[in-house]
Amino acid sequence: MRQGGLILGVSLLVGTFLFHVWTGLGRLPDRWPRLLWNVYFTFVYATIMITSVQGAIRILKSRVPLRSRRAVALHVGVLSGVTVVAYGAATGLCKMLHPAFDVSWQVLFVTAAVAFAFTLIWSAFAYMNAFYRRLREAEAAQYEARLAALRAQINPHFLFNAFNSIAALVRTRPDEAETVVEDLSALFRYALQASTDGGMATVGRELTAARRYLRVEKARFRDRLTVRIDVPEDLRSVPLPGMTLQPLVENAVQHGVGETRDECTVAIAAARENDRLVLRVTDTGPGFDTTDLEAVLDEGAGLANVWERLDLFFGTSAEMQLRPQGVELRVPVRPEAGERPRPAPETIA
């Protein structure tokens, strides 16, 4: 139905245009049969050419998928060639059905050239748009797959230690064991749902997940672990890729509390410098053996996952720096309307 309407509309438009060019609309009252013949012959041309082009498109889509610029060029070239061949076939059919059909070769050549150019330009734009749309879809799918893989990388030692802590608490402190299970469950639920909103969370949501992780570790390290959180309220709505903060905190616990028998404080702090969010996670443990970021990232640790996640979202706008006692991130932040008072630092005893 749509194709029939398209062919009829093209026939009326082009037939009337040709009548106007060759005869003039002012002579329509006494030469209207000529207009009808123009529309009729245009209808024959449009039927053959549009049907041929659509058939060629179906064949090309099944035989030559749009996976490269070369495939796009092949589609465009074939369709342009099909247009010329279909034009010649339509001319032969009109001549065979109506021997009186007599159009000078100059007119045939010009109209064939116009049809060829129109098909070439239309198909070039249409196919390049389709190609880049599929390319963007493929890149988006690859991006989501990489992001999902990054989120799925959870330190198995954390799980083993958490389960051991729960097992130890079940008999002596069942209420605390239940709380640890709830925090662990909520932490995993957040990790699984971190793809919501295109993989972007907020500083506040990341902070909540980090608190749950630290409460689980608190059940293991007891008084050896103290946590300080100094994140202004006005920064907690700032967008941040999901599962960015928790690996930094996990790194601080593992290389801070886990490497000393003394008490250790893990601190989470955030500040805003111009149009950038500065996020620091530090500890009072032994610290890094080196502050060379490349050397640490090459080890394939949790920091490498965070860095790849930031690169996926922010590209070259993101920065990561190693400090002797922790990690500092700098990422773009959207402008916020107004500043609210900075709350007092929080402490988890």
C-alpha atoms as a PDB file:
ATOM      1  CA  MET A   1       0.000   0.000   0.000  1.00  0.00           C
ATOM      2  CA  ARG A   2       2.753   2.421   0.958  1.00  0.00           C
ATOM      3  CA  GLN A   3       4.792   1.482  -2.102  1.00  0.00           C
ATOM      4  CA  GLY A   4       1.762   2.019  -4.386  1.00  0.00           C
ATOM      5  CA  GLY A   5       1.174   5.438  -2.851  1.00  0.00           C
ATOM      6  CA  LEU A   6       4.843   6.305  -3.289  1.00  0.00           C
ATOM      7  CA  ILE A   7       4.839   5.298  -6.973  1.00  0.00           C
ATOM      8  CA  LEU A   8       1.618   7.184  -7.665  1.00  0.00           C
ATOM      9  CA  GLY A   9       2.868  10.302  -5.897  1.00  0.00           C
ATOM     10  CA  VAL A  10       6.166  10.246  -7.802  1.00  0.00           C
ATOM     11  CA  SER A  11       4.300   9.731 -11.084  1.00  0.00           C
ATOM     12  CA  LEU A  12       2.008  12.720 -10.532  1.00  0.00           C
ATOM     13  CA  LEU A  13       4.818  14.971  -9.366  1.00  0.00           C
ATOM     14  CA  VAL A  14       7.355  14.100 -12.058  1.00  0.00           C
ATOM     15  CA  GLY A  15       4.746  13.854 -14.841  1.00  0.00           C
ATOM     16  CA  THR A  16       3.378  17.297 -14.039  1.00  0.00           C
ATOM     17  CA  PHE A  17       6.877  18.727 -13.802  1.00  0.00           C
ATOM     18  CA  LEU A  18       7.838  17.346 -17.218  1.00  0.00           C
ATOM     19  CA  PHE A  19       4.627  18.693 -18.742  1.00  0.00           C
ATOM     20  CA  HIS A  20       5.436  22.098 -17.311  1.00  0.00           C
ATOM     21  CA  VAL A  21       8.996  21.981 -18.702  1.00  0.00           C
ATOM     22  CA  TRP A  22       8.036  20.791 -22.189  1.00  0.00           C
ATOM     23  CA  THR A  23       4.638  22.420 -22.674  1.00  0.00           C
ATOM     24  CA  GLY A  24       3.853  24.847 -19.870  1.00  0.00           C
ATOM     25  CA  LEU A  25       0.993  24.693 -17.398  1.00  0.00           C
ATOM     26  CA  GLY A  26      -0.665  27.616 -19.200  1.00  0.00           C
ATOM     27  CA  ARG A  27      -1.567  25.276 -22.057  1.00  0.00           C
ATOM     28  CA  LEU A  28      -3.092  22.630 -19.752  1.00  0.00           C
ATOM     29  CA  PRO A  29      -6.773  23.247 -20.782  1.00  0.00           C
ATOM     30  CA  ASP A  30      -6.166  22.389 -24.436  1.00  0.00           C
ATOM     31  CA  ARG A  31      -3.426  19.805 -23.950  1.00  0.00           C
ATOM     32  CA  TRP A  32      -4.461  17.871 -20.831  1.00  0.00           C
ATOM     33  CA  PRO A  33      -4.221  14.461 -22.638  1.00  0.00           C
ATOM     34  CA  ARG A  34      -0.491  15.108 -22.965  1.00  0.00           C
ATOM     35  CA  LEU A  35      -0.316  15.603 -19.192  1.00  0.00           C
ATOM     36  CA  LEU A  36      -2.046  12.268 -18.663  1.00  0.00           C
ATOM     37  CA  TRP A  37       0.416  10.550 -21.006  1.00  0.00           C
ATOM     38  CA  ASN A  38       3.325  12.121 -19.095  1.00  0.00           C
ATOM     39  CA  VAL A  39       1.908  10.819 -15.822  1.00  0.00           C
ATOM     40  CA  TYR A  40       1.305   7.392 -17.363  1.00  0.00           C
ATOM     41  CA  PHE A  41       4.843   7.015 -18.746  1.00  0.00           C
ATOM     42  CA  THR A  42       6.296   8.336 -15.490  1.00  0.00           C
ATOM     43  CA  PHE A  43       4.220   5.737 -13.641  1.00  0.00           C
ATOM     44  CA  VAL A  44       5.785   2.969 -15.740  1.00  0.00           C
ATOM     45  CA  TYR A  45       9.278   4.327 -15.093  1.00  0.00           C
ATOM     46  CA  ALA A  46       8.653   4.780 -11.368  1.00  0.00           C
ATOM     47  CA  THR A  47       7.166   1.289 -10.982  1.00  0.00           C
ATOM     48  CA  ILE A  48      10.088  -0.455 -12.665  1.00  0.00           C
ATOM     49  CA  MET A  49      12.829   1.676 -11.089  1.00  0.00           C
ATOM     50  CA  ILE A  50      11.497   1.718  -7.519  1.00  0.00           C
ATOM     51  CA  THR A  51      10.717  -2.021  -7.599  1.00  0.00           C
ATOM     52  CA  SER A  52      14.177  -2.781  -8.988  1.00  0.00           C
ATOM     53  CA  VAL A  53      15.948  -0.640  -6.410  1.00  0.00           C
ATOM     54  CA  GLN A  54      13.977  -2.147  -3.517  1.00  0.00           C
ATOM     55  CA  GLY A  55      14.695  -5.654  -4.768  1.00  0.00           C
ATOM     56  CA  ALA A  56      18.383  -4.814  -5.018  1.00  0.00           C
ATOM     57  CA  ILE A  57      18.332  -3.449  -1.467  1.00  0.00           C
ATOM     58  CA  ARG A  58      16.835  -6.682  -0.122  1.00  0.00           C
ATOM     59  CA  ILE A  59      19.420  -8.792  -1.924  1.00  0.00           C
ATOM     60  CA  LEU A  60      22.308  -6.593  -0.799  1.00  0.00           C
ATOM     61  CA  LYS A  61      21.190  -6.636   2.837  1.00  0.00           C
ATOM     62  CA  SER A  62      21.091 -10.448   2.819  1.00  0.00           C
ATOM     63  CA  ARG A  63      24.352 -10.926   0.916  1.00  0.00           C
ATOM     64  CA  VAL A  64      26.526  -7.956   1.934  1.00  0.00           C
ATOM     65  CA  PRO A  65      26.052  -6.875   5.579  1.00  0.00           C
ATOM     66  CA  LEU A  66      26.986  -3.273   6.426  1.00  0.00           C
ATOM     67  CA  ARG A  67      30.152  -3.993   8.372  1.00  0.00           C
ATOM     68  CA  SER A  68      32.631  -1.741   6.604  1.00  0.00           C
ATOM     69  CA  ARG A  69      32.890   1.367   4.441  1.00  0.00           C
ATOM     70  CA  ARG A  70      33.668  -0.906   1.526  1.00  0.00           C
ATOM     71  CA  ALA A  71      30.283  -2.592   1.968  1.00  0.00           C
ATOM     72  CA  VAL A  72      28.614   0.833   2.008  1.00  0.00           C
ATOM     73  CA  ALA A  73      30.370   1.810  -1.227  1.00  0.00           C
ATOM     74  CA  LEU A  74      29.306  -1.483  -2.821  1.00  0.00           C
ATOM     75  CA  HIS A  75      25.660  -0.915  -1.849  1.00  0.00           C
ATOM     76  CA  VAL A  76      25.688   2.627  -3.214  1.00  0.00           C
ATOM     77  CA  GLY A  77      27.390   1.636  -6.464  1.00  0.00           C
ATOM     78  CA  VAL A  78      25.099  -1.314  -7.119  1.00  0.00           C
ATOM     79  CA  LEU A  79      21.952   0.729  -6.473  1.00  0.00           C
ATOM     80  CA  SER A  80      23.153   3.480  -8.797  1.00  0.00           C
ATOM     81  CA  GLY A  81      23.853   0.912 -11.512  1.00  0.00           C
ATOM     82  CA  VAL A  82      20.481  -0.760 -10.970  1.00  0.00           C
ATOM     83  CA  THR A  83      18.827   2.641 -11.422  1.00  0.00           C
ATOM     84  CA  VAL A  84      20.401   3.107 -14.864  1.00  0.00           C
ATOM     85  CA  VAL A  85      19.568  -0.443 -15.964  1.00  0.00           C
ATOM     86  CA  ALA A  86      15.979  -0.102 -14.703  1.00  0.00           C
ATOM     87  CA  TYR A  87      15.681   3.220 -16.551  1.00  0.00           C
ATOM     88  CA  GLY A  88      16.747   1.541 -19.780  1.00  0.00           C
ATOM     89  CA  ALA A  89      14.314  -1.353 -19.194  1.00  0.00           C
ATOM     90  CA  ALA A  90      11.465   1.093 -18.577  1.00  0.00           C
ATOM     91  CA  THR A  91      12.303   2.969 -21.779  1.00  0.00           C
ATOM     92  CA  GLY A  92      12.302  -0.289 -23.768  1.00  0.00           C
ATOM     93  CA  LEU A  93       8.967  -1.349 -22.254  1.00  0.00           C
ATOM     94  CA  CYS A  94       7.336   1.996 -23.084  1.00  0.00           C
ATOM     95  CA  LYS A  95       8.622   1.768 -26.663  1.00  0.00           C
ATOM     96  CA  MET A  96       7.371  -1.820 -26.987  1.00  0.00           C
ATOM     97  CA  LEU A  97       3.903  -1.093 -25.570  1.00  0.00           C
ATOM     98  CA  HIS A  98       3.507   2.211 -27.389  1.00  0.00           C
ATOM     99  CA  PRO A  99       5.458   2.418 -30.664  1.00  0.00           C
ATOM    100  CA  ALA A 100       4.448   6.071 -30.872  1.00  0.00           C
ATOM    101  CA  PHE A 101       6.532   6.726 -27.759  1.00  0.00           C
ATOM    102  CA  ASP A 102       9.218   8.992 -29.150  1.00  0.00           C
ATOM    103  CA  VAL A 103      11.570  10.941 -26.900  1.00  0.00           C
ATOM    104  CA  SER A 104      14.851  12.412 -28.114  1.00  0.00           C
ATOM    105  CA  TRP A 105      18.015  10.795 -26.849  1.00  0.00           C
ATOM    106  CA  GLN A 106      19.083  14.089 -25.280  1.00  0.00           C
ATOM    107  CA  VAL A 107      16.006  14.046 -23.037  1.00  0.00           C
ATOM    108  CA  LEU A 108      16.518  10.376 -22.188  1.00  0.00           C
ATOM    109  CA  PHE A 109      20.161  11.002 -21.360  1.00  0.00           C
ATOM    110  CA  VAL A 110      19.418  13.986 -19.126  1.00  0.00           C
ATOM    111  CA  THR A 111      16.612  12.265 -17.228  1.00  0.00           C
ATOM    112  CA  ALA A 112      18.721   9.107 -16.828  1.00  0.00           C
ATOM    113  CA  ALA A 113      21.592  11.208 -15.461  1.00  0.00           C
ATOM    114  CA  VAL A 114      19.246  12.958 -13.039  1.00  0.00           C
ATOM    115  CA  ALA A 115      17.828   9.623 -11.837  1.00  0.00           C
ATOM    116  CA  PHE A 116      21.347   8.222 -11.448  1.00  0.00           C
ATOM    117  CA  ALA A 117      22.547  11.257  -9.482  1.00  0.00           C
ATOM    118  CA  PHE A 118      19.458  11.236  -7.246  1.00  0.00           C
ATOM    119  CA  THR A 119      19.872   7.543  -6.417  1.00  0.00           C
ATOM    120  CA  LEU A 120      23.590   7.975  -5.850  1.00  0.00           C
ATOM    121  CA  ILE A 121      23.159  10.883  -3.435  1.00  0.00           C
ATOM    122  CA  TRP A 122      20.169   9.400  -1.614  1.00  0.00           C
ATOM    123  CA  SER A 123      21.723   5.964  -1.178  1.00  0.00           C
ATOM    124  CA  ALA A 124      25.072   7.447  -0.109  1.00  0.00           C
ATOM    125  CA  PHE A 125      23.481   9.434   2.704  1.00  0.00           C
ATOM    126  CA  ALA A 126      21.057   6.654   3.686  1.00  0.00           C
ATOM    127  CA  TYR A 127      23.669   3.913   3.778  1.00  0.00           C
ATOM    128  CA  MET A 128      26.341   5.976   5.502  1.00  0.00           C
ATOM    129  CA  ASN A 129      23.789   6.898   8.163  1.00  0.00           C
ATOM    130  CA  ALA A 130      22.779   3.239   8.559  1.00  0.00           C
ATOM    131  CA  PHE A 131      26.433   2.165   8.689  1.00  0.00           C
ATOM    132  CA  TYR A 132      27.388   4.648  11.395  1.00  0.00           C
ATOM    133  CA  ARG A 133      24.234   3.868  13.355  1.00  0.00           C
ATOM    134  CA  ARG A 134      25.191   0.183  13.392  1.00  0.00           C
ATOM    135  CA  LEU A 135      28.742   1.135  14.247  1.00  0.00           C
ATOM    136  CA  ARG A 136      27.533   3.165  17.231  1.00  0.00           C
ATOM    137  CA  GLU A 137      25.288   0.280  18.308  1.00  0.00           C
ATOM    138  CA  ALA A 138      28.207  -2.138  18.088  1.00  0.00           C
ATOM    139  CA  GLU A 139      30.432   0.236  20.075  1.00  0.00           C
ATOM    140  CA  ALA A 140      27.693   0.670  22.673  1.00  0.00           C
ATOM    141  CA  ALA A 141      27.276  -3.108  22.976  1.00  0.00           C
ATOM    142  CA  GLN A 142      31.028  -3.551  23.349  1.00  0.00           C
ATOM    143  CA  TYR A 143      31.115  -0.736  25.899  1.00  0.00           C
ATOM    144  CA  GLU A 144      28.327  -2.319  27.972  1.00  0.00           C
ATOM    145  CA  ALA A 145      30.029  -5.702  27.792  1.00  0.00           C
ATOM    146  CA  ARG A 146      33.301  -4.222  29.062  1.00  0.00           C
ATOM    147  CA  LEU A 147      31.468  -2.352  31.800  1.00  0.00           C
ATOM    148  CA  ALA A 148      29.613  -5.496  32.860  1.00  0.00           C
ATOM    149  CA  ALA A 149      32.878  -7.408  32.954  1.00  0.00           C
ATOM    150  CA  LEU A 150      34.445  -4.732  35.134  1.00  0.00           C
ATOM    151  CA  ARG A 151      31.541  -4.833  37.581  1.00  0.00           C
ATOM    152  CA  ALA A 152      31.671  -8.620  37.755  1.00  0.00           C
ATOM    153  CA  GLN A 153      35.253  -8.612  39.061  1.00  0.00           C
ATOM    154  CA  ILE A 154      34.767  -8.992  42.820  1.00  0.00           C
ATOM    155  CA  ASN A 155      37.668 -10.025  45.011  1.00  0.00           C
ATOM    156  CA  PRO A 156      36.997 -13.653  46.038  1.00  0.00           C
ATOM    157  CA  HIS A 157      39.138 -13.215  49.162  1.00  0.00           C
ATOM    158  CA  PHE A 158      36.659 -10.606  50.381  1.00  0.00           C
ATOM    159  CA  LEU A 159      33.861 -13.163  50.051  1.00  0.00           C
ATOM    160  CA  PHE A 160      35.790 -15.880  51.856  1.00  0.00           C
ATOM    161  CA  ASN A 161      36.690 -13.534  54.696  1.00  0.00           C
ATOM    162  CA  ALA A 162      33.108 -12.231  54.919  1.00  0.00           C
ATOM    163  CA  PHE A 163      31.691 -15.753  55.145  1.00  0.00           C
ATOM    164  CA  ASN A 164      34.258 -16.663  57.785  1.00  0.00           C
ATOM    165  CA  SER A 165      33.286 -13.584  59.800  1.00  0.00           C
ATOM    166  CA  ILE A 166      29.605 -14.480  59.524  1.00  0.00           C
ATOM    167  CA  ALA A 167      30.285 -18.043  60.611  1.00  0.00           C
ATOM    168  CA  ALA A 168      32.205 -16.792  63.650  1.00  0.00           C
ATOM    169  CA  LEU A 169      29.418 -14.365  64.602  1.00  0.00           C
ATOM    170  CA  VAL A 170      26.461 -16.710  64.166  1.00  0.00           C
ATOM    171  CA  ARG A 171      26.879 -18.356  67.592  1.00  0.00           C
ATOM    172  CA  THR A 172      28.314 -15.486  69.615  1.00  0.00           C
ATOM    173  CA  ARG A 173      26.643 -12.426  68.073  1.00  0.00           C
ATOM    174  CA  PRO A 174      23.701 -13.545  65.914  1.00  0.00           C
ATOM    175  CA  ASP A 175      22.265 -10.030  65.556  1.00  0.00           C
ATOM    176  CA  GLU A 176      25.559  -8.705  64.225  1.00  0.00           C
ATOM    177  CA  ALA A 177      25.848 -11.716  61.903  1.00  0.00           C
ATOM    178  CA  GLU A 178      22.417 -10.900  60.502  1.00  0.00           C
ATOM    179  CA  THR A 179      23.469  -7.283  59.901  1.00  0.00           C
ATOM    180  CA  VAL A 180      26.617  -8.402  58.080  1.00  0.00           C
ATOM    181  CA  VAL A 181      24.555 -10.712  55.851  1.00  0.00           C
ATOM    182  CA  GLU A 182      22.174  -7.866  55.041  1.00  0.00           C
ATOM    183  CA  ASP A 183      25.056  -5.517  54.186  1.00  0.00           C
ATOM    184  CA  LEU A 184      26.724  -8.164  52.038  1.00  0.00           C
ATOM    185  CA  SER A 185      23.455  -8.876  50.214  1.00  0.00           C
ATOM    186  CA  ALA A 186      22.787  -5.169  49.626  1.00  0.00           C
ATOM    187  CA  LEU A 187      26.349  -4.668  48.364  1.00  0.00           C
ATOM    188  CA  PHE A 188      25.983  -7.442  45.797  1.00  0.00           C
ATOM    189  CA  ARG A 189      22.565  -6.176  44.777  1.00  0.00           C
ATOM    190  CA  TYR A 190      24.063  -2.744  44.143  1.00  0.00           C
ATOM    191  CA  ALA A 191      26.896  -4.252  42.094  1.00  0.00           C
ATOM    192  CA  LEU A 192      24.414  -6.173  39.941  1.00  0.00           C
ATOM    193  CA  GLN A 193      22.162  -3.164  39.437  1.00  0.00           C
ATOM    194  CA  ALA A 194      24.996  -0.724  38.795  1.00  0.00           C
ATOM    195  CA  SER A 195      24.191  -0.714  35.056  1.00  0.00           C
ATOM    196  CA  THR A 196      21.057   1.365  35.735  1.00  0.00           C
ATOM    197  CA  ASP A 197      21.100   4.837  34.145  1.00  0.00           C
ATOM    198  CA  GLY A 198      23.748   3.840  31.638  1.00  0.00           C
ATOM    199  CA  GLY A 199      26.219   2.697  34.322  1.00  0.00           C
ATOM    200  CA  MET A 200      26.260   6.061  36.101  1.00  0.00           C
ATOM    201  CA  ALA A 201      25.501   6.358  39.820  1.00  0.00           C
ATOM    202  CA  THR A 202      26.143   9.229  42.241  1.00  0.00           C
ATOM    203  CA  VAL A 203      28.717   9.934  44.906  1.00  0.00           C
ATOM    204  CA  GLY A 204      26.005   9.373  47.517  1.00  0.00           C
ATOM    205  CA  ARG A 205      25.061   5.929  46.209  1.00  0.00           C
ATOM    206  CA  GLU A 206      28.708   4.965  45.925  1.00  0.00           C
ATOM    207  CA  LEU A 207      29.252   6.142  49.485  1.00  0.00           C
ATOM    208  CA  THR A 208      26.359   3.986  50.727  1.00  0.00           C
ATOM    209  CA  ALA A 209      27.849   0.910  49.024  1.00  0.00           C
ATOM    210  CA  ALA A 210      31.277   1.722  50.489  1.00  0.00           C
ATOM    211  CA  ARG A 211      29.777   1.983  53.979  1.00  0.00           C
ATOM    212  CA  ARG A 212      28.200  -1.464  53.597  1.00  0.00           C
ATOM    213  CA  TYR A 213      31.507  -2.916  52.489  1.00  0.00           C
ATOM    214  CA  LEU A 214      33.307  -1.312  55.437  1.00  0.00           C
ATOM    215  CA  ARG A 215      30.737  -2.637  57.916  1.00  0.00           C
ATOM    216  CA  VAL A 216      31.358  -6.152  56.592  1.00  0.00           C
ATOM    217  CA  GLU A 217      35.110  -5.665  57.021  1.00  0.00           C
ATOM    218  CA  LYS A 218      34.556  -4.117  60.468  1.00  0.00           C
ATOM    219  CA  ALA A 219      33.078  -7.437  61.579  1.00  0.00           C
ATOM    220  CA  ARG A 220      36.382  -9.044  60.621  1.00  0.00           C
ATOM    221  CA  PHE A 221      38.952  -6.502  61.847  1.00  0.00           C
ATOM    222  CA  ARG A 222      36.944  -5.171  64.824  1.00  0.00           C
ATOM    223  CA  ASP A 223      38.792  -2.322  66.623  1.00  0.00           C
ATOM    224  CA  ARG A 224      41.729  -2.435  64.223  1.00  0.00           C
ATOM    225  CA  LEU A 225      39.606  -0.656  61.580  1.00  0.00           C
ATOM    226  CA  THR A 226      38.351   2.908  61.964  1.00  0.00           C
ATOM    227  CA  VAL A 227      36.594   4.758  59.157  1.00  0.00           C
ATOM    228  CA  ARG A 228      36.353   8.495  58.582  1.00  0.00           C
ATOM    229  CA  ILE A 229      34.069   9.972  55.916  1.00  0.00           C
ATOM    230  CA  ASP A 230      34.350  13.619  54.929  1.00  0.00           C
ATOM    231  CA  VAL A 231      32.104  14.141  51.902  1.00  0.00           C
ATOM    232  CA  PRO A 232      30.126  17.412  51.659  1.00  0.00           C
ATOM    233  CA  GLU A 233      26.389  16.991  51.254  1.00  0.00           C
ATOM    234  CA  ASP A 234      26.332  19.112  48.099  1.00  0.00           C
ATOM    235  CA  LEU A 235      28.699  16.676  46.359  1.00  0.00           C
ATOM    236  CA  ARG A 236      26.682  13.534  47.035  1.00  0.00           C
ATOM    237  CA  SER A 237      24.461  14.115  43.993  1.00  0.00           C
ATOM    238  CA  VAL A 238      27.438  14.414  41.627  1.00  0.00           C
ATOM    239  CA  PRO A 239      27.393  11.675  38.935  1.00  0.00           C
ATOM    240  CA  LEU A 240      30.042   8.988  39.288  1.00  0.00           C
ATOM    241  CA  PRO A 241      30.390   5.655  37.458  1.00  0.00           C
ATOM    242  CA  GLY A 242      28.907   2.793  39.438  1.00  0.00           C
ATOM    243  CA  MET A 243      31.333   0.636  41.467  1.00  0.00           C
ATOM    244  CA  THR A 244      34.125   3.217  41.417  1.00  0.00           C
ATOM    245  CA  LEU A 245      34.513   3.996  45.129  1.00  0.00           C
ATOM    246  CA  GLN A 246      34.171   0.491  46.582  1.00  0.00           C
ATOM    247  CA  PRO A 247      37.303  -0.933  44.854  1.00  0.00           C
ATOM    248  CA  LEU A 248      39.326   2.024  46.178  1.00  0.00           C
ATOM    249  CA  VAL A 249      38.074   1.365  49.696  1.00  0.00           C
ATOM    250  CA  GLU A 250      38.732  -2.351  49.295  1.00  0.00           C
ATOM    251  CA  ASN A 251      42.268  -1.546  48.190  1.00  0.00           C
ATOM    252  CA  ALA A 252      42.775   0.647  51.269  1.00  0.00           C
ATOM    253  CA  VAL A 253      41.522  -2.083  53.608  1.00  0.00           C
ATOM    254  CA  GLN A 254      43.572  -4.798  51.934  1.00  0.00           C
ATOM    255  CA  HIS A 255      46.866  -2.875  51.808  1.00  0.00           C
ATOM    256  CA  GLY A 256      46.256  -0.799  54.938  1.00  0.00           C
ATOM    257  CA  VAL A 257      44.538  -2.791  57.673  1.00  0.00           C
ATOM    258  CA  GLY A 258      45.553  -6.112  56.122  1.00  0.00           C
ATOM    259  CA  GLU A 259      49.259  -5.237  56.180  1.00  0.00           C
ATOM    260  CA  THR A 260      49.539  -4.126  59.807  1.00  0.00           C
ATOM    261  CA  ARG A 261      48.631  -5.389  63.252  1.00  0.00           C
ATOM    262  CA  ASP A 262      48.125  -1.868  64.544  1.00  0.00           C
ATOM    263  CA  GLU A 263      44.981   0.209  64.368  1.00  0.00           C
ATOM    264  CA  CYS A 264      44.361   1.647  60.921  1.00  0.00           C
ATOM    265  CA  THR A 265      42.071   4.421  59.746  1.00  0.00           C
ATOM    266  CA  VAL A 266      40.521   4.384  56.269  1.00  0.00           C
ATOM    267  CA  ALA A 267      39.423   7.858  55.198  1.00  0.00           C
ATOM    268  CA  ILE A 268      37.089   8.847  52.354  1.00  0.00           C
ATOM    269  CA  ALA A 269      37.137  12.524  51.449  1.00  0.00           C
ATOM    270  CA  ALA A 270      35.716  14.558  48.590  1.00  0.00           C
ATOM    271  CA  ALA A 271      36.094  18.176  47.533  1.00  0.00           C
ATOM    272  CA  ARG A 272      35.257  20.352  44.596  1.00  0.00           C
ATOM    273  CA  GLU A 273      37.959  22.269  42.777  1.00  0.00           C
ATOM    274  CA  ASN A 274      36.497  24.501  40.085  1.00  0.00           C
ATOM    275  CA  ASP A 275      34.596  22.143  37.763  1.00  0.00           C
ATOM    276  CA  ARG A 276      36.180  18.918  38.990  1.00  0.00           C
ATOM    277  CA  LEU A 277      35.398  16.437  41.738  1.00  0.00           C
ATOM    278  CA  VAL A 278      38.428  15.405  43.793  1.00  0.00           C
ATOM    279  CA  LEU A 279      37.887  12.071  45.555  1.00  0.00           C
ATOM    280  CA  ARG A 280      40.504  10.678  47.958  1.00  0.00           C
ATOM    281  CA  VAL A 281      40.644   7.306  49.692  1.00  0.00           C
ATOM    282  CA  THR A 282      43.567   7.021  52.112  1.00  0.00           C
ATOM    283  CA  ASP A 283      44.672   4.785  54.963  1.00  0.00           C
ATOM    284  CA  THR A 284      47.221   4.931  57.774  1.00  0.00           C
ATOM    285  CA  GLY A 285      48.759   1.593  56.871  1.00  0.00           C
ATOM    286  CA  PRO A 286      52.204   0.928  55.381  1.00  0.00           C
ATOM    287  CA  GLY A 287      51.283   2.625  52.107  1.00  0.00           C
ATOM    288  CA  PHE A 288      52.207   1.826  48.515  1.00  0.00           C
ATOM    289  CA  ASP A 289      55.629   0.498  47.633  1.00  0.00           C
ATOM    290  CA  THR A 290      55.604   2.905  44.701  1.00  0.00           C
ATOM    291  CA  THR A 291      53.556   5.876  43.531  1.00  0.00           C
ATOM    292  CA  ASP A 292      54.181   5.014  39.869  1.00  0.00           C
ATOM    293  CA  LEU A 293      50.614   4.623  38.548  1.00  0.00           C
ATOM    294  CA  GLU A 294      51.627   2.680  35.438  1.00  0.00           C
ATOM    295  CA  ALA A 295      53.491   0.106  37.509  1.00  0.00           C
ATOM    296  CA  VAL A 296      50.468  -0.479  39.754  1.00  0.00           C
ATOM    297  CA  LEU A 297      47.997  -0.617  36.870  1.00  0.00           C
ATOM    298  CA  ASP A 298      50.138  -3.187  35.090  1.00  0.00           C
ATOM    299  CA  GLU A 299      49.607  -5.554  38.014  1.00  0.00           C
ATOM    300  CA  GLY A 300      45.936  -5.858  36.985  1.00  0.00           C
ATOM    301  CA  ALA A 301      44.646  -5.026  40.463  1.00  0.00           C
ATOM    302  CA  GLY A 302      41.362  -3.367  41.440  1.00  0.00           C
ATOM    303  CA  LEU A 303      42.814   0.059  40.668  1.00  0.00           C
ATOM    304  CA  ALA A 304      43.228  -0.990  37.034  1.00  0.00           C
ATOM    305  CA  ASN A 305      39.504  -1.779  36.885  1.00  0.00           C
ATOM    306  CA  VAL A 306      38.630   1.631  38.326  1.00  0.00           C
ATOM    307  CA  TRP A 307      40.921   3.372  35.869  1.00  0.00           C
ATOM    308  CA  GLU A 308      39.394   1.540  32.910  1.00  0.00           C
ATOM    309  CA  ARG A 309      35.893   2.415  34.137  1.00  0.00           C
ATOM    310  CA  LEU A 310      36.807   6.109  34.391  1.00  0.00           C
ATOM    311  CA  ASP A 311      38.352   5.972  30.940  1.00  0.00           C
ATOM    312  CA  LEU A 312      35.130   4.501  29.517  1.00  0.00           C
ATOM    313  CA  PHE A 313      33.006   7.293  30.966  1.00  0.00           C
ATOM    314  CA  PHE A 314      35.257  10.356  30.919  1.00  0.00           C
ATOM    315  CA  GLY A 315      38.154   9.592  28.568  1.00  0.00           C
ATOM    316  CA  THR A 316      41.102  11.956  28.996  1.00  0.00           C
ATOM    317  CA  SER A 317      39.100  14.190  31.360  1.00  0.00           C
ATOM    318  CA  ALA A 318      39.642  11.752  34.244  1.00  0.00           C
ATOM    319  CA  GLU A 319      42.812  11.585  36.327  1.00  0.00           C
ATOM    320  CA  MET A 320      44.109   9.069  38.860  1.00  0.00           C
ATOM    321  CA  GLN A 321      47.091   9.740  41.104  1.00  0.00           C
ATOM    322  CA  LEU A 322      48.752   7.532  43.677  1.00  0.00           C
ATOM    323  CA  ARG A 323      49.668   9.066  47.015  1.00  0.00           C
ATOM    324  CA  PRO A 324      51.997   7.409  49.529  1.00  0.00           C
ATOM    325  CA  GLN A 325      48.963   6.543  51.659  1.00  0.00           C
ATOM    326  CA  GLY A 326      46.134   6.268  49.114  1.00  0.00           C
ATOM    327  CA  VAL A 327      44.536   7.160  45.810  1.00  0.00           C
ATOM    328  CA  GLU A 328      43.174  10.426  44.433  1.00  0.00           C
ATOM    329  CA  LEU A 329      40.684  10.703  41.557  1.00  0.00           C
ATOM    330  CA  ARG A 330      39.765  13.829  39.590  1.00  0.00           C
ATOM    331  CA  VAL A 331      36.715  13.709  37.326  1.00  0.00           C
ATOM    332  CA  PRO A 332      34.487  16.348  35.694  1.00  0.00           C
ATOM    333  CA  VAL A 333      31.521  17.527  37.694  1.00  0.00           C
ATOM    334  CA  ARG A 334      28.397  19.218  36.405  1.00  0.00           C
ATOM    335  CA  PRO A 335      27.614  22.715  37.774  1.00  0.00           C
ATOM    336  CA  GLU A 336      25.467  22.687  40.882  1.00  0.00           C
ATOM    337  CA  ALA A 337      23.078  25.461  41.852  1.00  0.00           C
ATOM    338  CA  GLY A 338      24.272  26.879  45.140  1.00  0.00           C
ATOM    339  CA  GLU A 339      26.529  25.482  47.822  1.00  0.00           C
ATOM    340  CA  ARG A 340      25.296  23.991  51.081  1.00  0.00           C
ATOM    341  CA  PRO A 341      27.214  24.031  54.381  1.00  0.00           C
ATOM    342  CA  ARG A 342      29.911  21.425  54.791  1.00  0.00           C
ATOM    343  CA  PRO A 343      28.897  18.829  57.430  1.00  0.00           C
ATOM    344  CA  ALA A 344      31.202  17.669  60.166  1.00  0.00           C
ATOM    345  CA  PRO A 345      33.334  14.608  59.318  1.00  0.00           C
ATOM    346  CA  GLU A 346      31.730  11.244  60.098  1.00  0.00           C
ATOM    347  CA  THR A 347      33.509   8.567  62.077  1.00  0.00           C
ATOM    348  CA  ILE A 348      32.682   4.877  62.245  1.00  0.00           C
ATOM    349  CA  ALA A 349      34.242   3.719  65.467  1.00  0.00           C
END
